[in-house]
Each structure stands twice: as C-alpha cells, then as structure tokens.
Amino acid sequence: MTDDGHQGVYMGVEIERRFLIQNKSPAHLYVGATGAGGIDIVQCYPPLDIWLNIWPSGIDEIDALLHDSKTTFRLRIKGNQAYATVKGAADGATRIEFEEEVDYNEVSLIINSNKYPFVVKKRYVLPAEGGLNWEIDCFEGDNSGLIIVEIEIPTPDYPLMIPTWLGKEVTEDGENWSNYALALNPLSNRT
C-alpha cells in the first residue's frame, strides 16, 4: 500500500486470448469452477475527464496512452472492489495495461448514473493446464445470452490447448467483441 492509502499501480502487459463459446448453455463448464455462484462484474467506459477524476495516481506513466485514440479507459466493479484501468491499443493478443484499486462508492455513483456505456456480466473461473485459468463471462442486460471465454497467457506464442467446447476465436476482433465494443454497441442493437 502506498503512503496515500492506495494499493499502488499495477502495470503490465496483458496477453489474452478470447473465444465465443460453442454451446450457449455452458452449465457443464461450471462444475469444478471456482466461485460456484460466479463473480458479478460491471464495467463502465466513461470519457477521459471523468476517468481522470477517479485515477488516484499521477499521469506521467500513462501519458502516452492518454493521447492515443485507441486507448480504453475503464471503471470496474468486481464483487465488492472497484478499479480504474487504462488499456493501450491491442497488438494481436497483447496490450499495455495500468490498473489501480479505487474508491468503490465513487465508481458506483458513476456507473449508476447510466450516463456512460457499460456491460454487466457474471464471471466463472475454470482451471486450465499450466496453472492458467479460463474466465467464462456470461453477459447480462443488453448483451444477455452472450458468453465469452478468455485466458491470460504468459507469452503470445504460448502453446495453448484449445478445449472442444470453445467456438470461434475473437482475440483480434476487438471492434466487435471487446467489452468496450459490447458496451458501445450491445447485441440488442445488432441485427
């Protein structure tokens, strides 16, 4: 924890692959999943000025991202914790990410204002080989019925065993299947 009471900035390179699920009724996947009831997640994508009011750290480390039109600014409530995250443009499955835990009540007020695009989902975690985890996101609200499965891998060329229950890979189709894209243009708006 830093002197000002914050958990500190997490900075890393996120390497993540994403898939649609082949079977729209994945109850069989939840057997053995941690958090049997799932974890409630709400992600909101406010404009930069609103996001900066929540970001508790300096902007020197993220300055280059602030001026890139492909950067995503996210506020997230996951269970009883809240986070501010900035993600750089994707390069295949890889992108720069800064994240910091922030005040839950502030983020809740912004999300509950319904002024900014958001997604609602329930996440289940299923252990994978090599100590990795499949994260199964079951979307609700305007994206109800959509299930996206993602996995963070240690390197872009990691030899991932793809289970048969996974469908089309959408890792490089962020314009349609990223959480940000689903917040801006939910399935309920698509023909």
N, C-alpha and C. Protein backbone atom coordinates (compact mmCIF):
# COMPACT_ATOMS: atom_id res chain seq x y z
N MET A 1 0.84 -1.18 0.00
CA MET A 1 0.00 0.00 0.00
C MET A 1 0.89 1.24 0.00
N THR A 2 0.52 2.24 -0.76
CA THR A 2 1.31 3.46 -0.83
C THR A 2 0.97 4.37 0.34
N ASP A 3 1.77 5.43 0.52
CA ASP A 3 1.57 6.35 1.63
C ASP A 3 0.21 7.04 1.60
N ASP A 4 -0.36 7.23 0.43
CA ASP A 4 -1.65 7.92 0.35
C ASP A 4 -2.84 6.97 0.48
N GLY A 5 -2.57 5.71 0.87
CA GLY A 5 -3.65 4.76 1.13
C GLY A 5 -4.08 3.93 -0.05
N HIS A 6 -3.46 4.10 -1.20
CA HIS A 6 -3.84 3.34 -2.39
C HIS A 6 -3.04 2.04 -2.46
N GLN A 7 -3.59 1.09 -3.17
CA GLN A 7 -2.95 -0.21 -3.31
C GLN A 7 -1.72 -0.14 -4.22
N GLY A 8 -1.57 0.91 -4.98
CA GLY A 8 -0.45 1.01 -5.90
C GLY A 8 -0.88 0.67 -7.31
N VAL A 9 -0.12 1.13 -8.27
CA VAL A 9 -0.45 0.93 -9.67
C VAL A 9 0.06 -0.42 -10.12
N TYR A 10 -0.81 -1.17 -10.77
CA TYR A 10 -0.39 -2.40 -11.42
C TYR A 10 -0.15 -2.04 -12.88
N MET A 11 1.03 -2.29 -13.35
CA MET A 11 1.33 -2.06 -14.76
C MET A 11 1.85 -3.36 -15.32
N GLY A 12 1.34 -3.71 -16.44
CA GLY A 12 1.81 -4.93 -17.04
C GLY A 12 1.45 -4.99 -18.50
N VAL A 13 1.85 -6.07 -19.08
CA VAL A 13 1.46 -6.37 -20.44
C VAL A 13 0.45 -7.49 -20.34
N GLU A 14 -0.74 -7.23 -20.80
CA GLU A 14 -1.79 -8.24 -20.79
C GLU A 14 -1.71 -9.01 -22.11
N ILE A 15 -1.60 -10.32 -22.00
CA ILE A 15 -1.62 -11.18 -23.19
C ILE A 15 -2.81 -12.10 -23.00
N GLU A 16 -3.83 -11.88 -23.78
CA GLU A 16 -5.11 -12.54 -23.54
C GLU A 16 -5.72 -13.03 -24.85
N ARG A 17 -6.23 -14.25 -24.81
CA ARG A 17 -6.97 -14.77 -25.96
C ARG A 17 -8.43 -14.89 -25.56
N ARG A 18 -9.31 -14.63 -26.53
CA ARG A 18 -10.76 -14.61 -26.26
C ARG A 18 -11.48 -15.47 -27.29
N PHE A 19 -12.52 -16.15 -26.81
CA PHE A 19 -13.29 -17.07 -27.65
C PHE A 19 -14.77 -16.91 -27.36
N LEU A 20 -15.58 -17.09 -28.39
CA LEU A 20 -17.01 -17.27 -28.17
C LEU A 20 -17.19 -18.71 -27.72
N ILE A 21 -18.26 -18.97 -27.02
CA ILE A 21 -18.48 -20.33 -26.57
C ILE A 21 -19.37 -21.03 -27.58
N GLN A 22 -19.06 -22.28 -27.85
CA GLN A 22 -19.78 -23.04 -28.86
C GLN A 22 -21.17 -23.43 -28.38
N ASN A 23 -21.27 -23.86 -27.14
CA ASN A 23 -22.54 -24.31 -26.58
C ASN A 23 -23.10 -23.17 -25.74
N LYS A 24 -24.24 -22.62 -26.12
CA LYS A 24 -24.81 -21.47 -25.41
C LYS A 24 -25.32 -21.82 -24.02
N SER A 25 -25.33 -23.08 -23.66
CA SER A 25 -25.78 -23.48 -22.33
C SER A 25 -24.62 -24.18 -21.62
N PRO A 26 -23.68 -23.41 -21.05
CA PRO A 26 -22.44 -24.00 -20.55
C PRO A 26 -22.49 -24.47 -19.10
N ALA A 27 -23.63 -24.91 -18.61
CA ALA A 27 -23.70 -25.33 -17.21
C ALA A 27 -22.65 -26.38 -16.89
N HIS A 28 -22.33 -27.23 -17.86
CA HIS A 28 -21.32 -28.26 -17.62
C HIS A 28 -19.95 -27.67 -17.33
N LEU A 29 -19.70 -26.44 -17.77
CA LEU A 29 -18.41 -25.81 -17.54
C LEU A 29 -18.24 -25.36 -16.10
N TYR A 30 -19.36 -25.10 -15.43
CA TYR A 30 -19.28 -24.56 -14.09
C TYR A 30 -18.93 -25.61 -13.05
N VAL A 31 -19.06 -26.87 -13.41
CA VAL A 31 -18.66 -27.94 -12.49
C VAL A 31 -17.15 -27.85 -12.34
N GLY A 32 -16.70 -27.66 -11.14
CA GLY A 32 -15.27 -27.52 -10.90
C GLY A 32 -14.79 -26.08 -10.99
N ALA A 33 -15.65 -25.17 -11.39
CA ALA A 33 -15.24 -23.77 -11.46
C ALA A 33 -15.17 -23.19 -10.06
N THR A 34 -14.21 -22.31 -9.84
CA THR A 34 -14.12 -21.64 -8.55
C THR A 34 -15.19 -20.56 -8.51
N GLY A 35 -15.64 -20.22 -7.32
CA GLY A 35 -16.70 -19.22 -7.20
C GLY A 35 -17.95 -19.73 -7.86
N ALA A 36 -18.49 -20.85 -7.34
CA ALA A 36 -19.60 -21.56 -7.98
C ALA A 36 -20.75 -20.64 -8.35
N GLY A 37 -20.98 -19.58 -7.58
CA GLY A 37 -22.05 -18.65 -7.90
C GLY A 37 -21.62 -17.58 -8.88
N GLY A 38 -20.36 -17.56 -9.23
CA GLY A 38 -19.85 -16.55 -10.14
C GLY A 38 -19.56 -15.24 -9.43
N ILE A 39 -18.84 -14.37 -10.10
CA ILE A 39 -18.48 -13.06 -9.58
C ILE A 39 -19.19 -12.02 -10.42
N ASP A 40 -19.95 -11.13 -9.78
CA ASP A 40 -20.64 -10.07 -10.50
C ASP A 40 -19.65 -8.98 -10.89
N ILE A 41 -19.71 -8.57 -12.17
CA ILE A 41 -18.82 -7.54 -12.69
C ILE A 41 -19.64 -6.54 -13.50
N VAL A 42 -19.39 -5.26 -13.26
CA VAL A 42 -19.95 -4.19 -14.09
C VAL A 42 -18.76 -3.35 -14.55
N GLN A 43 -18.68 -3.11 -15.86
CA GLN A 43 -17.60 -2.31 -16.43
C GLN A 43 -18.20 -1.14 -17.18
N CYS A 44 -17.71 0.05 -16.86
CA CYS A 44 -18.20 1.30 -17.44
C CYS A 44 -17.05 1.98 -18.18
N TYR A 45 -17.38 2.65 -19.27
CA TYR A 45 -16.36 3.30 -20.11
C TYR A 45 -16.66 4.79 -20.22
N PRO A 46 -16.27 5.56 -19.19
CA PRO A 46 -16.54 7.00 -19.20
C PRO A 46 -15.53 7.75 -20.07
N PRO A 47 -15.82 9.02 -20.36
CA PRO A 47 -14.83 9.82 -21.09
C PRO A 47 -13.60 10.08 -20.21
N LEU A 48 -12.52 10.48 -20.84
CA LEU A 48 -11.25 10.66 -20.16
C LEU A 48 -11.34 11.59 -18.95
N ASP A 49 -12.04 12.72 -19.07
CA ASP A 49 -12.08 13.66 -17.95
C ASP A 49 -12.73 13.05 -16.70
N ILE A 50 -13.76 12.25 -16.88
CA ILE A 50 -14.41 11.57 -15.75
C ILE A 50 -13.47 10.52 -15.18
N TRP A 51 -12.84 9.75 -16.06
CA TRP A 51 -11.91 8.71 -15.62
C TRP A 51 -10.74 9.30 -14.83
N LEU A 52 -10.19 10.41 -15.31
CA LEU A 52 -9.06 11.05 -14.63
C LEU A 52 -9.43 11.52 -13.23
N ASN A 53 -10.69 11.89 -13.02
CA ASN A 53 -11.13 12.29 -11.67
C ASN A 53 -11.07 11.14 -10.68
N ILE A 54 -11.13 9.92 -11.17
CA ILE A 54 -11.09 8.73 -10.32
C ILE A 54 -9.66 8.20 -10.19
N TRP A 55 -8.86 8.31 -11.25
CA TRP A 55 -7.50 7.77 -11.25
C TRP A 55 -6.69 8.42 -10.12
N PRO A 56 -6.24 7.64 -9.14
CA PRO A 56 -5.61 8.22 -7.95
C PRO A 56 -4.12 8.51 -8.08
N SER A 57 -3.49 8.06 -9.12
CA SER A 57 -2.04 8.23 -9.26
C SER A 57 -1.73 9.36 -10.24
N GLY A 58 -0.46 9.65 -10.38
CA GLY A 58 -0.03 10.63 -11.36
C GLY A 58 -0.23 10.09 -12.77
N ILE A 59 -0.09 10.99 -13.73
CA ILE A 59 -0.32 10.57 -15.12
C ILE A 59 0.96 10.41 -15.92
N ASP A 60 2.11 10.63 -15.30
CA ASP A 60 3.37 10.52 -16.04
C ASP A 60 3.53 9.16 -16.71
N GLU A 61 3.24 8.08 -15.95
CA GLU A 61 3.41 6.73 -16.50
C GLU A 61 2.45 6.42 -17.64
N ILE A 62 1.28 7.05 -17.61
CA ILE A 62 0.26 6.73 -18.61
C ILE A 62 0.10 7.82 -19.66
N ASP A 63 0.96 8.83 -19.64
CA ASP A 63 0.81 9.99 -20.51
C ASP A 63 0.69 9.62 -21.98
N ALA A 64 1.52 8.71 -22.46
CA ALA A 64 1.47 8.33 -23.88
C ALA A 64 0.12 7.71 -24.23
N LEU A 65 -0.45 6.95 -23.30
CA LEU A 65 -1.75 6.32 -23.55
C LEU A 65 -2.88 7.35 -23.60
N LEU A 66 -2.73 8.45 -22.86
CA LEU A 66 -3.78 9.46 -22.80
C LEU A 66 -4.03 10.11 -24.15
N HIS A 67 -3.04 10.07 -25.04
CA HIS A 67 -3.13 10.75 -26.33
C HIS A 67 -3.34 9.80 -27.50
N ASP A 68 -3.62 8.55 -27.21
CA ASP A 68 -3.83 7.54 -28.25
C ASP A 68 -5.34 7.28 -28.36
N SER A 69 -5.89 7.48 -29.54
CA SER A 69 -7.34 7.32 -29.72
C SER A 69 -7.81 5.87 -29.52
N LYS A 70 -6.89 4.92 -29.53
CA LYS A 70 -7.28 3.51 -29.36
C LYS A 70 -7.18 3.05 -27.90
N THR A 71 -6.84 3.96 -27.00
CA THR A 71 -6.77 3.64 -25.58
C THR A 71 -8.18 3.53 -25.01
N THR A 72 -8.36 2.57 -24.11
CA THR A 72 -9.64 2.36 -23.44
C THR A 72 -9.51 2.72 -21.97
N PHE A 73 -10.45 3.52 -21.48
CA PHE A 73 -10.49 3.91 -20.07
C PHE A 73 -11.69 3.23 -19.44
N ARG A 74 -11.43 2.43 -18.40
CA ARG A 74 -12.49 1.60 -17.82
C ARG A 74 -12.57 1.82 -16.31
N LEU A 75 -13.81 1.81 -15.81
CA LEU A 75 -14.07 1.71 -14.38
C LEU A 75 -14.80 0.40 -14.18
N ARG A 76 -14.38 -0.36 -13.18
CA ARG A 76 -14.94 -1.70 -12.98
C ARG A 76 -15.28 -1.92 -11.52
N ILE A 77 -16.45 -2.52 -11.31
CA ILE A 77 -16.79 -3.07 -10.01
C ILE A 77 -16.78 -4.58 -10.17
N LYS A 78 -15.97 -5.22 -9.35
CA LYS A 78 -15.83 -6.68 -9.38
C LYS A 78 -16.06 -7.15 -7.95
N GLY A 79 -17.23 -7.76 -7.72
CA GLY A 79 -17.57 -8.13 -6.35
C GLY A 79 -17.73 -6.88 -5.52
N ASN A 80 -16.95 -6.75 -4.45
CA ASN A 80 -17.05 -5.56 -3.60
C ASN A 80 -15.82 -4.65 -3.73
N GLN A 81 -15.13 -4.75 -4.86
CA GLN A 81 -13.96 -3.91 -5.11
C GLN A 81 -14.15 -3.13 -6.41
N ALA A 82 -13.48 -1.98 -6.48
CA ALA A 82 -13.58 -1.14 -7.68
C ALA A 82 -12.18 -0.84 -8.20
N TYR A 83 -12.08 -0.70 -9.53
CA TYR A 83 -10.80 -0.49 -10.18
C TYR A 83 -10.93 0.54 -11.30
N ALA A 84 -9.87 1.31 -11.49
CA ALA A 84 -9.72 2.16 -12.67
C ALA A 84 -8.61 1.52 -13.51
N THR A 85 -8.88 1.37 -14.79
CA THR A 85 -7.94 0.70 -15.68
C THR A 85 -7.80 1.50 -16.96
N VAL A 86 -6.59 1.54 -17.48
CA VAL A 86 -6.34 2.10 -18.80
C VAL A 86 -5.62 1.03 -19.60
N LYS A 87 -6.13 0.77 -20.80
CA LYS A 87 -5.54 -0.25 -21.67
C LYS A 87 -5.15 0.39 -22.99
N GLY A 88 -3.92 0.12 -23.40
CA GLY A 88 -3.44 0.61 -24.69
C GLY A 88 -4.04 -0.19 -25.83
N ALA A 89 -3.74 0.25 -27.04
CA ALA A 89 -4.22 -0.43 -28.24
C ALA A 89 -3.70 -1.86 -28.28
N ALA A 90 -4.52 -2.76 -28.77
CA ALA A 90 -4.13 -4.17 -28.88
C ALA A 90 -3.19 -4.37 -30.05
N ASP A 91 -2.21 -5.22 -29.82
CA ASP A 91 -1.31 -5.69 -30.88
C ASP A 91 -1.46 -7.20 -30.87
N GLY A 92 -2.42 -7.71 -31.63
CA GLY A 92 -2.76 -9.13 -31.55
C GLY A 92 -3.41 -9.39 -30.20
N ALA A 93 -2.83 -10.30 -29.43
CA ALA A 93 -3.36 -10.65 -28.11
C ALA A 93 -2.73 -9.83 -26.99
N THR A 94 -1.86 -8.88 -27.34
CA THR A 94 -1.07 -8.16 -26.35
C THR A 94 -1.48 -6.69 -26.27
N ARG A 95 -1.51 -6.18 -25.03
CA ARG A 95 -1.72 -4.75 -24.83
C ARG A 95 -1.18 -4.32 -23.47
N ILE A 96 -0.79 -3.06 -23.38
CA ILE A 96 -0.30 -2.48 -22.13
C ILE A 96 -1.51 -2.18 -21.26
N GLU A 97 -1.38 -2.43 -19.95
CA GLU A 97 -2.49 -2.18 -19.03
C GLU A 97 -1.95 -1.60 -17.72
N PHE A 98 -2.61 -0.54 -17.25
CA PHE A 98 -2.36 0.01 -15.92
C PHE A 98 -3.68 -0.11 -15.16
N GLU A 99 -3.61 -0.55 -13.93
CA GLU A 99 -4.83 -0.71 -13.13
C GLU A 99 -4.54 -0.38 -11.68
N GLU A 100 -5.52 0.26 -11.04
CA GLU A 100 -5.38 0.58 -9.63
C GLU A 100 -6.73 0.45 -8.95
N GLU A 101 -6.71 -0.10 -7.74
CA GLU A 101 -7.94 -0.17 -6.96
C GLU A 101 -8.31 1.25 -6.54
N VAL A 102 -9.61 1.56 -6.63
CA VAL A 102 -10.10 2.91 -6.32
C VAL A 102 -11.32 2.81 -5.42
N ASP A 103 -11.85 3.96 -5.04
CA ASP A 103 -12.98 4.02 -4.12
C ASP A 103 -14.24 3.42 -4.75
N TYR A 104 -14.78 2.42 -4.10
CA TYR A 104 -15.97 1.71 -4.60
C TYR A 104 -17.16 2.67 -4.77
N ASN A 105 -17.40 3.52 -3.79
CA ASN A 105 -18.58 4.40 -3.84
C ASN A 105 -18.51 5.38 -5.00
N GLU A 106 -17.32 5.91 -5.27
CA GLU A 106 -17.18 6.84 -6.40
C GLU A 106 -17.49 6.15 -7.73
N VAL A 107 -16.95 4.96 -7.91
CA VAL A 107 -17.19 4.21 -9.15
C VAL A 107 -18.66 3.81 -9.25
N SER A 108 -19.24 3.40 -8.14
CA SER A 108 -20.65 3.02 -8.13
C SER A 108 -21.54 4.18 -8.56
N LEU A 109 -21.25 5.38 -8.08
CA LEU A 109 -22.04 6.56 -8.47
C LEU A 109 -21.96 6.81 -9.98
N ILE A 110 -20.77 6.67 -10.54
CA ILE A 110 -20.60 6.90 -11.98
C ILE A 110 -21.36 5.84 -12.78
N ILE A 111 -21.21 4.59 -12.39
CA ILE A 111 -21.90 3.51 -13.10
C ILE A 111 -23.41 3.68 -12.98
N ASN A 112 -23.89 3.94 -11.78
CA ASN A 112 -25.34 4.06 -11.55
C ASN A 112 -25.96 5.30 -12.17
N SER A 113 -25.13 6.25 -12.61
CA SER A 113 -25.67 7.43 -13.29
C SER A 113 -26.24 7.07 -14.66
N ASN A 114 -25.83 5.91 -15.19
CA ASN A 114 -26.26 5.44 -16.52
C ASN A 114 -25.95 6.44 -17.64
N LYS A 115 -24.92 7.25 -17.45
CA LYS A 115 -24.53 8.23 -18.46
C LYS A 115 -23.54 7.67 -19.47
N TYR A 116 -22.89 6.56 -19.12
CA TYR A 116 -21.78 6.08 -19.93
C TYR A 116 -21.99 4.62 -20.30
N PRO A 117 -21.45 4.19 -21.44
CA PRO A 117 -21.63 2.80 -21.87
C PRO A 117 -21.08 1.82 -20.83
N PHE A 118 -21.79 0.70 -20.65
CA PHE A 118 -21.34 -0.29 -19.67
C PHE A 118 -21.76 -1.69 -20.09
N VAL A 119 -21.11 -2.68 -19.50
CA VAL A 119 -21.51 -4.08 -19.64
C VAL A 119 -21.67 -4.66 -18.25
N VAL A 120 -22.56 -5.66 -18.17
CA VAL A 120 -22.80 -6.39 -16.93
C VAL A 120 -22.57 -7.86 -17.24
N LYS A 121 -21.84 -8.52 -16.36
CA LYS A 121 -21.57 -9.94 -16.60
C LYS A 121 -21.32 -10.66 -15.28
N LYS A 122 -21.43 -11.96 -15.37
CA LYS A 122 -21.08 -12.82 -14.25
C LYS A 122 -19.92 -13.67 -14.72
N ARG A 123 -18.86 -13.71 -13.91
CA ARG A 123 -17.64 -14.43 -14.30
C ARG A 123 -17.47 -15.70 -13.47
N TYR A 124 -17.16 -16.77 -14.19
CA TYR A 124 -16.81 -18.05 -13.58
C TYR A 124 -15.38 -18.35 -13.97
N VAL A 125 -14.65 -18.98 -13.07
CA VAL A 125 -13.24 -19.29 -13.33
C VAL A 125 -13.07 -20.80 -13.33
N LEU A 126 -12.50 -21.29 -14.40
CA LEU A 126 -12.28 -22.73 -14.57
C LEU A 126 -10.78 -22.97 -14.74
N PRO A 127 -10.18 -23.80 -13.88
CA PRO A 127 -8.74 -24.05 -14.01
C PRO A 127 -8.39 -24.66 -15.37
N ALA A 128 -7.26 -24.21 -15.91
CA ALA A 128 -6.73 -24.72 -17.18
C ALA A 128 -5.36 -25.34 -16.92
N GLU A 129 -4.77 -25.90 -17.96
CA GLU A 129 -3.45 -26.50 -17.81
C GLU A 129 -2.41 -25.43 -17.51
N GLY A 130 -1.32 -25.83 -16.90
CA GLY A 130 -0.20 -24.92 -16.66
C GLY A 130 -0.45 -23.86 -15.61
N GLY A 131 -1.44 -24.08 -14.74
CA GLY A 131 -1.75 -23.09 -13.71
C GLY A 131 -2.51 -21.88 -14.22
N LEU A 132 -2.99 -21.93 -15.44
CA LEU A 132 -3.77 -20.83 -16.02
C LEU A 132 -5.24 -21.02 -15.67
N ASN A 133 -6.05 -20.02 -15.98
CA ASN A 133 -7.49 -20.10 -15.72
C ASN A 133 -8.29 -19.61 -16.92
N TRP A 134 -9.33 -20.36 -17.26
CA TRP A 134 -10.32 -19.90 -18.23
C TRP A 134 -11.30 -19.02 -17.45
N GLU A 135 -11.55 -17.81 -17.94
CA GLU A 135 -12.54 -16.93 -17.34
C GLU A 135 -13.75 -16.92 -18.26
N ILE A 136 -14.86 -17.41 -17.73
CA ILE A 136 -16.09 -17.57 -18.51
C ILE A 136 -17.02 -16.41 -18.15
N ASP A 137 -17.22 -15.48 -19.07
CA ASP A 137 -18.05 -14.30 -18.84
C ASP A 137 -19.41 -14.49 -19.47
N CYS A 138 -20.43 -14.56 -18.61
CA CYS A 138 -21.82 -14.69 -19.05
C CYS A 138 -22.45 -13.30 -18.96
N PHE A 139 -22.70 -12.70 -20.11
CA PHE A 139 -23.18 -11.33 -20.15
C PHE A 139 -24.67 -11.26 -19.82
N GLU A 140 -25.05 -10.12 -19.26
CA GLU A 140 -26.43 -9.86 -18.87
C GLU A 140 -26.88 -8.56 -19.52
N GLY A 141 -28.11 -8.16 -19.25
CA GLY A 141 -28.61 -6.89 -19.77
C GLY A 141 -28.70 -6.89 -21.28
N ASP A 142 -28.18 -5.84 -21.91
CA ASP A 142 -28.26 -5.68 -23.36
C ASP A 142 -27.43 -6.69 -24.14
N ASN A 143 -26.57 -7.43 -23.46
CA ASN A 143 -25.77 -8.48 -24.10
C ASN A 143 -26.14 -9.86 -23.58
N SER A 144 -27.34 -9.97 -23.03
CA SER A 144 -27.80 -11.22 -22.44
C SER A 144 -27.71 -12.38 -23.43
N GLY A 145 -27.21 -13.51 -22.95
CA GLY A 145 -27.06 -14.69 -23.79
C GLY A 145 -25.67 -14.87 -24.36
N LEU A 146 -24.89 -13.79 -24.40
CA LEU A 146 -23.53 -13.87 -24.92
C LEU A 146 -22.60 -14.45 -23.86
N ILE A 147 -21.76 -15.37 -24.27
CA ILE A 147 -20.75 -15.94 -23.39
C ILE A 147 -19.40 -15.85 -24.10
N ILE A 148 -18.46 -15.17 -23.46
CA ILE A 148 -17.10 -15.06 -23.97
C ILE A 148 -16.17 -15.67 -22.94
N VAL A 149 -15.24 -16.47 -23.43
CA VAL A 149 -14.26 -17.12 -22.57
C VAL A 149 -12.89 -16.54 -22.90
N GLU A 150 -12.17 -16.14 -21.87
CA GLU A 150 -10.84 -15.59 -22.10
C GLU A 150 -9.83 -16.27 -21.19
N ILE A 151 -8.59 -16.17 -21.60
CA ILE A 151 -7.49 -16.75 -20.83
C ILE A 151 -6.27 -15.85 -21.00
N GLU A 152 -5.65 -15.50 -19.88
CA GLU A 152 -4.40 -14.75 -19.93
C GLU A 152 -3.26 -15.75 -20.01
N ILE A 153 -2.38 -15.52 -20.97
CA ILE A 153 -1.27 -16.44 -21.20
C ILE A 153 0.06 -15.70 -20.98
N PRO A 154 1.12 -16.44 -20.66
CA PRO A 154 2.39 -15.79 -20.32
C PRO A 154 3.15 -15.19 -21.50
N THR A 155 2.97 -15.74 -22.69
CA THR A 155 3.66 -15.22 -23.88
C THR A 155 2.72 -15.32 -25.07
N PRO A 156 2.89 -14.47 -26.08
CA PRO A 156 2.00 -14.53 -27.25
C PRO A 156 2.01 -15.87 -27.96
N ASP A 157 3.13 -16.57 -27.93
CA ASP A 157 3.22 -17.85 -28.64
C ASP A 157 3.05 -19.05 -27.71
N TYR A 158 2.44 -18.83 -26.55
CA TYR A 158 2.22 -19.91 -25.58
C TYR A 158 1.41 -21.04 -26.24
N PRO A 159 1.85 -22.30 -26.12
CA PRO A 159 1.16 -23.42 -26.77
C PRO A 159 -0.12 -23.80 -26.01
N LEU A 160 -1.18 -23.08 -26.27
CA LEU A 160 -2.45 -23.26 -25.56
C LEU A 160 -3.24 -24.42 -26.15
N MET A 161 -3.68 -25.31 -25.28
CA MET A 161 -4.57 -26.40 -25.69
C MET A 161 -5.99 -25.84 -25.71
N ILE A 162 -6.63 -25.83 -26.87
CA ILE A 162 -7.96 -25.26 -27.02
C ILE A 162 -9.00 -26.35 -26.78
N PRO A 163 -9.82 -26.22 -25.72
CA PRO A 163 -10.85 -27.23 -25.46
C PRO A 163 -11.89 -27.27 -26.59
N THR A 164 -12.52 -28.41 -26.77
CA THR A 164 -13.50 -28.58 -27.84
C THR A 164 -14.76 -27.75 -27.63
N TRP A 165 -15.04 -27.35 -26.39
CA TRP A 165 -16.25 -26.59 -26.12
C TRP A 165 -16.13 -25.11 -26.50
N LEU A 166 -14.94 -24.68 -26.89
CA LEU A 166 -14.78 -23.30 -27.34
C LEU A 166 -15.14 -23.18 -28.81
N GLY A 167 -15.71 -22.03 -29.14
CA GLY A 167 -16.07 -21.75 -30.52
C GLY A 167 -15.05 -20.84 -31.17
N LYS A 168 -15.53 -19.92 -31.96
CA LYS A 168 -14.70 -19.02 -32.75
C LYS A 168 -13.80 -18.16 -31.86
N GLU A 169 -12.53 -18.05 -32.26
CA GLU A 169 -11.63 -17.14 -31.54
C GLU A 169 -11.88 -15.71 -32.02
N VAL A 170 -12.02 -14.78 -31.06
CA VAL A 170 -12.31 -13.38 -31.38
C VAL A 170 -11.25 -12.44 -30.80
N THR A 171 -10.09 -13.00 -30.50
CA THR A 171 -9.00 -12.22 -29.90
C THR A 171 -8.70 -10.96 -30.72
N GLU A 172 -8.63 -11.09 -32.02
CA GLU A 172 -8.23 -9.95 -32.86
C GLU A 172 -9.43 -9.23 -33.48
N ASP A 173 -10.62 -9.49 -32.95
CA ASP A 173 -11.82 -8.81 -33.44
C ASP A 173 -12.41 -7.93 -32.33
N GLY A 174 -11.55 -7.08 -31.77
CA GLY A 174 -11.97 -6.19 -30.70
C GLY A 174 -13.03 -5.19 -31.11
N GLU A 175 -13.10 -4.89 -32.41
CA GLU A 175 -14.11 -3.93 -32.86
C GLU A 175 -15.52 -4.46 -32.68
N ASN A 176 -15.67 -5.78 -32.57
CA ASN A 176 -16.98 -6.38 -32.36
C ASN A 176 -17.14 -7.03 -31.00
N TRP A 177 -16.05 -7.60 -30.46
CA TRP A 177 -16.20 -8.48 -29.30
C TRP A 177 -15.47 -8.03 -28.04
N SER A 178 -14.78 -6.90 -28.05
CA SER A 178 -14.19 -6.42 -26.80
C SER A 178 -15.32 -5.96 -25.89
N ASN A 179 -15.06 -5.91 -24.61
CA ASN A 179 -16.08 -5.42 -23.67
C ASN A 179 -16.46 -3.98 -24.01
N TYR A 180 -15.48 -3.19 -24.42
CA TYR A 180 -15.74 -1.81 -24.81
C TYR A 180 -16.70 -1.76 -26.01
N ALA A 181 -16.45 -2.58 -27.01
CA ALA A 181 -17.32 -2.63 -28.19
C ALA A 181 -18.73 -3.08 -27.80
N LEU A 182 -18.82 -4.04 -26.90
CA LEU A 182 -20.13 -4.53 -26.45
C LEU A 182 -20.87 -3.49 -25.62
N ALA A 183 -20.14 -2.62 -24.94
CA ALA A 183 -20.78 -1.53 -24.20
C ALA A 183 -21.32 -0.48 -25.17
N LEU A 184 -20.53 -0.15 -26.19
CA LEU A 184 -20.95 0.86 -27.17
C LEU A 184 -22.04 0.37 -28.11
N ASN A 185 -21.95 -0.89 -28.50
CA ASN A 185 -22.88 -1.47 -29.46
C ASN A 185 -23.28 -2.86 -28.98
N PRO A 186 -24.18 -2.93 -28.00
CA PRO A 186 -24.56 -4.23 -27.43
C PRO A 186 -25.30 -5.10 -28.44
N LEU A 187 -25.34 -6.38 -28.14
CA LEU A 187 -26.01 -7.34 -29.03
C LEU A 187 -27.45 -6.95 -29.30
N SER A 188 -28.12 -6.36 -28.32
CA SER A 188 -29.52 -5.99 -28.50
C SER A 188 -29.70 -4.93 -29.59
N ASN A 189 -28.65 -4.22 -29.96
CA ASN A 189 -28.71 -3.21 -31.03
C ASN A 189 -28.28 -3.75 -32.39
N ARG A 190 -27.75 -4.96 -32.41
CA ARG A 190 -27.22 -5.53 -33.66
C ARG A 190 -28.30 -6.34 -34.36
N THR A 191 -28.29 -6.27 -35.69
CA THR A 191 -29.31 -7.02 -36.44
C THR A 191 -28.81 -8.38 -36.82
